[in-house]
């Protein structure tokens, strides 16, 4: 066992610096990973203006079909989508499932790719039950 003063035993201030550095690296790694994820998905995402106050988020699941939360799109309301580049698109409600709180919007969104979604076989079994809720 090493004791203080032993050349192989780090001094307290050295240990403290090592401990402080490790969490910062973890935080930086997490921050960089999140920034990368946001950059990858930003092209598929829209602000959905389907209610008077705050917009919600929608994902272009398939070309021309945007999935969002049903409770954020009021009935008989004009819906507008705003992309990450600031362009706006008119949308209409193609379908709703209030029991899952999902609304599907139809829109012509030029130059915007659909989400890159995994095949059902690639999704962890425990995640399948919450996939609809997350969408």
C-alpha atoms as a PDB file:
ATOM      1  CA  UNK A   1       0.000   0.000   0.000  1.00  0.00           C
ATOM      2  CA  UNK A   2       1.317   3.432  -0.911  1.00  0.00           C
ATOM      3  CA  UNK A   3       1.446   6.268   1.559  1.00  0.00           C
ATOM      4  CA  UNK A   4       1.808  10.017   1.249  1.00  0.00           C
ATOM      5  CA  UNK A   5       5.350  10.966   0.313  1.00  0.00           C
ATOM      6  CA  UNK A   6       5.886   7.743  -1.640  1.00  0.00           C
ATOM      7  CA  UNK A   7       6.989   8.608  -5.211  1.00  0.00           C
ATOM      8  CA  UNK A   8       4.259   6.326  -6.636  1.00  0.00           C
ATOM      9  CA  UNK A   9       1.501   7.919  -4.526  1.00  0.00           C
ATOM     10  CA  UNK A  10       0.020  11.013  -6.208  1.00  0.00           C
ATOM     11  CA  UNK A  11      -0.069  14.113  -4.070  1.00  0.00           C
ATOM     12  CA  UNK A  12      -3.600  15.227  -2.998  1.00  0.00           C
ATOM     13  CA  UNK A  13      -3.666  18.173  -5.399  1.00  0.00           C
ATOM     14  CA  UNK A  14      -2.696  15.882  -8.320  1.00  0.00           C
ATOM     15  CA  UNK A  15      -5.450  13.395  -7.393  1.00  0.00           C
ATOM     16  CA  UNK A  16      -7.945  16.247  -7.155  1.00  0.00           C
ATOM     17  CA  UNK A  17      -6.981  17.537 -10.626  1.00  0.00           C
ATOM     18  CA  UNK A  18      -7.344  14.035 -12.084  1.00  0.00           C
ATOM     19  CA  UNK A  19     -10.777  13.617 -10.491  1.00  0.00           C
ATOM     20  CA  UNK A  20     -11.901  17.033 -11.729  1.00  0.00           C
ATOM     21  CA  UNK A  21     -10.699  16.363 -15.269  1.00  0.00           C
ATOM     22  CA  UNK A  22     -12.488  13.032 -15.672  1.00  0.00           C
ATOM     23  CA  UNK A  23     -16.069  14.331 -15.209  1.00  0.00           C
ATOM     24  CA  UNK A  24     -15.369  17.261 -17.532  1.00  0.00           C
ATOM     25  CA  UNK A  25     -14.295  14.844 -20.258  1.00  0.00           C
ATOM     26  CA  UNK A  26     -17.490  12.878 -19.720  1.00  0.00           C
ATOM     27  CA  UNK A  27     -19.577  16.056 -19.887  1.00  0.00           C
ATOM     28  CA  UNK A  28     -17.752  17.181 -23.032  1.00  0.00           C
ATOM     29  CA  UNK A  29     -18.230  13.755 -24.634  1.00  0.00           C
ATOM     30  CA  UNK A  30     -21.941  13.872 -23.801  1.00  0.00           C
ATOM     31  CA  UNK A  31     -22.231  17.425 -25.121  1.00  0.00           C
ATOM     32  CA  UNK A  32     -20.480  16.500 -28.371  1.00  0.00           C
ATOM     33  CA  UNK A  33     -22.620  13.379 -28.791  1.00  0.00           C
ATOM     34  CA  UNK A  34     -25.815  15.389 -28.256  1.00  0.00           C
ATOM     35  CA  UNK A  35     -24.663  18.081 -30.689  1.00  0.00           C
ATOM     36  CA  UNK A  36     -23.957  15.390 -33.291  1.00  0.00           C
ATOM     37  CA  UNK A  37     -27.375  13.809 -32.763  1.00  0.00           C
ATOM     38  CA  UNK A  38     -29.120  17.168 -33.109  1.00  0.00           C
ATOM     39  CA  UNK A  39     -27.209  17.892 -36.310  1.00  0.00           C
ATOM     40  CA  UNK A  40     -28.162  14.488 -37.778  1.00  0.00           C
ATOM     41  CA  UNK A  41     -31.899  14.822 -37.065  1.00  0.00           C
ATOM     42  CA  UNK A  42     -32.411  18.556 -37.596  1.00  0.00           C
ATOM     43  CA  UNK A  43     -33.272  18.057 -41.268  1.00  0.00           C
ATOM     44  CA  UNK A  44     -36.205  15.780 -40.386  1.00  0.00           C
ATOM     45  CA  UNK A  45     -37.615  17.978 -37.632  1.00  0.00           C
ATOM     46  CA  UNK A  46     -40.204  20.733 -37.853  1.00  0.00           C
ATOM     47  CA  UNK A  47     -41.809  23.235 -35.548  1.00  0.00           C
ATOM     48  CA  UNK A  48     -45.529  22.472 -35.868  1.00  0.00           C
ATOM     49  CA  UNK A  49     -47.733  25.545 -35.517  1.00  0.00           C
ATOM     50  CA  UNK A  50     -51.106  23.925 -34.895  1.00  0.00           C
ATOM     51  CA  UNK A  51     -52.331  25.829 -31.845  1.00  0.00           C
ATOM     52  CA  UNK A  52     -52.388  29.485 -30.803  1.00  0.00           C
ATOM     53  CA  UNK A  53     -49.446  29.575 -28.408  1.00  0.00           C
ATOM     54  CA  UNK A  54     -46.402  27.350 -28.410  1.00  0.00           C
ATOM     55  CA  UNK A  55     -45.474  25.181 -31.381  1.00  0.00           C
ATOM     56  CA  UNK A  56     -44.760  21.489 -30.966  1.00  0.00           C
ATOM     57  CA  UNK A  57     -42.211  19.285 -32.702  1.00  0.00           C
ATOM     58  CA  UNK A  58     -42.881  17.042 -35.674  1.00  0.00           C
ATOM     59  CA  UNK A  59     -40.776  14.450 -37.476  1.00  0.00           C
ATOM     60  CA  UNK A  60     -41.027  13.789 -41.208  1.00  0.00           C
ATOM     61  CA  UNK A  61     -41.533  10.041 -40.838  1.00  0.00           C
ATOM     62  CA  UNK A  62     -42.040   9.416 -44.545  1.00  0.00           C
ATOM     63  CA  UNK A  63     -41.769  11.874 -47.415  1.00  0.00           C
ATOM     64  CA  UNK A  64     -44.689  14.278 -47.072  1.00  0.00           C
ATOM     65  CA  UNK A  65     -45.918  12.815 -43.743  1.00  0.00           C
ATOM     66  CA  UNK A  66     -45.053  14.524 -40.479  1.00  0.00           C
ATOM     67  CA  UNK A  67     -45.856  12.879 -37.136  1.00  0.00           C
ATOM     68  CA  UNK A  68     -46.569  15.061 -34.105  1.00  0.00           C
ATOM     69  CA  UNK A  69     -48.547  15.014 -30.854  1.00  0.00           C
ATOM     70  CA  UNK A  70     -52.300  15.053 -31.434  1.00  0.00           C
ATOM     71  CA  UNK A  71     -53.079  17.374 -28.522  1.00  0.00           C
ATOM     72  CA  UNK A  72     -50.901  20.095 -30.065  1.00  0.00           C
ATOM     73  CA  UNK A  73     -52.902  20.327 -33.296  1.00  0.00           C
ATOM     74  CA  UNK A  74     -56.320  21.865 -32.811  1.00  0.00           C
ATOM     75  CA  UNK A  75     -59.256  20.744 -34.959  1.00  0.00           C
ATOM     76  CA  UNK A  76     -60.132  22.944 -37.927  1.00  0.00           C
ATOM     77  CA  UNK A  77     -56.951  24.957 -37.552  1.00  0.00           C
ATOM     78  CA  UNK A  78     -54.537  25.845 -40.300  1.00  0.00           C
ATOM     79  CA  UNK A  79     -51.213  24.102 -39.643  1.00  0.00           C
ATOM     80  CA  UNK A  80     -47.829  25.475 -40.635  1.00  0.00           C
ATOM     81  CA  UNK A  81     -44.502  23.653 -40.437  1.00  0.00           C
ATOM     82  CA  UNK A  82     -41.219  25.501 -40.001  1.00  0.00           C
ATOM     83  CA  UNK A  83     -37.989  23.704 -40.884  1.00  0.00           C
ATOM     84  CA  UNK A  84     -34.584  24.152 -39.270  1.00  0.00           C
ATOM     85  CA  UNK A  85     -33.601  26.429 -42.150  1.00  0.00           C
ATOM     86  CA  UNK A  86     -36.544  28.773 -41.482  1.00  0.00           C
ATOM     87  CA  UNK A  87     -38.665  27.752 -44.483  1.00  0.00           C
ATOM     88  CA  UNK A  88     -42.393  27.362 -43.837  1.00  0.00           C
ATOM     89  CA  UNK A  89     -44.773  24.814 -45.354  1.00  0.00           C
ATOM     90  CA  UNK A  90     -48.566  24.506 -45.230  1.00  0.00           C
ATOM     91  CA  UNK A  91     -49.816  21.202 -43.805  1.00  0.00           C
ATOM     92  CA  UNK A  92     -53.143  19.450 -43.365  1.00  0.00           C
ATOM     93  CA  UNK A  93     -54.204  16.783 -40.891  1.00  0.00           C
ATOM     94  CA  UNK A  94     -54.120  13.395 -42.628  1.00  0.00           C
ATOM     95  CA  UNK A  95     -55.137  11.396 -39.570  1.00  0.00           C
ATOM     96  CA  UNK A  96     -55.281  11.288 -35.781  1.00  0.00           C
ATOM     97  CA  UNK A  97     -55.191   8.722 -33.005  1.00  0.00           C
ATOM     98  CA  UNK A  98     -56.137  10.467 -29.753  1.00  0.00           C
ATOM     99  CA  UNK A  99     -55.584   7.265 -27.742  1.00  0.00           C
ATOM    100  CA  UNK A 100     -51.887   7.355 -28.730  1.00  0.00           C
ATOM    101  CA  UNK A 101     -51.763  11.180 -28.894  1.00  0.00           C
ATOM    102  CA  UNK A 102     -50.478  11.050 -32.472  1.00  0.00           C
ATOM    103  CA  UNK A 103     -51.435  13.230 -35.418  1.00  0.00           C
ATOM    104  CA  UNK A 104     -50.167  12.707 -38.952  1.00  0.00           C
ATOM    105  CA  UNK A 105     -49.831  15.791 -41.113  1.00  0.00           C
ATOM    106  CA  UNK A 106     -49.542  15.856 -44.885  1.00  0.00           C
ATOM    107  CA  UNK A 107     -47.307  18.494 -46.465  1.00  0.00           C
ATOM    108  CA  UNK A 108     -45.234  19.071 -49.567  1.00  0.00           C
ATOM    109  CA  UNK A 109     -41.796  19.809 -48.163  1.00  0.00           C
ATOM    110  CA  UNK A 110     -39.316  20.312 -50.970  1.00  0.00           C
ATOM    111  CA  UNK A 111     -35.713  19.432 -50.272  1.00  0.00           C
ATOM    112  CA  UNK A 112     -36.330  17.862 -46.854  1.00  0.00           C
ATOM    113  CA  UNK A 113     -35.469  14.208 -46.361  1.00  0.00           C
ATOM    114  CA  UNK A 114     -37.534  11.763 -44.334  1.00  0.00           C
ATOM    115  CA  UNK A 115     -36.279  10.409 -41.016  1.00  0.00           C
ATOM    116  CA  UNK A 116     -33.760   7.600 -41.140  1.00  0.00           C
ATOM    117  CA  UNK A 117     -35.631   5.098 -38.983  1.00  0.00           C
ATOM    118  CA  UNK A 118     -34.471   1.657 -37.925  1.00  0.00           C
ATOM    119  CA  UNK A 119     -36.141  -1.526 -39.071  1.00  0.00           C
ATOM    120  CA  UNK A 120     -38.430  -3.006 -36.440  1.00  0.00           C
ATOM    121  CA  UNK A 121     -35.943  -5.859 -35.978  1.00  0.00           C
ATOM    122  CA  UNK A 122     -33.231  -3.392 -34.947  1.00  0.00           C
ATOM    123  CA  UNK A 123     -35.252  -1.886 -32.106  1.00  0.00           C
ATOM    124  CA  UNK A 124     -34.678  -3.314 -28.627  1.00  0.00           C
ATOM    125  CA  UNK A 125     -37.751  -5.345 -27.583  1.00  0.00           C
ATOM    126  CA  UNK A 126     -38.242  -3.290 -24.422  1.00  0.00           C
ATOM    127  CA  UNK A 127     -38.209  -0.082 -26.491  1.00  0.00           C
ATOM    128  CA  UNK A 128     -40.928  -1.203 -28.917  1.00  0.00           C
ATOM    129  CA  UNK A 129     -43.717  -0.577 -26.443  1.00  0.00           C
ATOM    130  CA  UNK A 130     -42.670   3.042 -25.969  1.00  0.00           C
ATOM    131  CA  UNK A 131     -41.850   3.848 -29.598  1.00  0.00           C
ATOM    132  CA  UNK A 132     -45.301   5.249 -30.378  1.00  0.00           C
ATOM    133  CA  UNK A 133     -45.308   7.332 -27.218  1.00  0.00           C
ATOM    134  CA  UNK A 134     -41.909   8.791 -28.101  1.00  0.00           C
ATOM    135  CA  UNK A 135     -42.926   9.619 -31.666  1.00  0.00           C
END
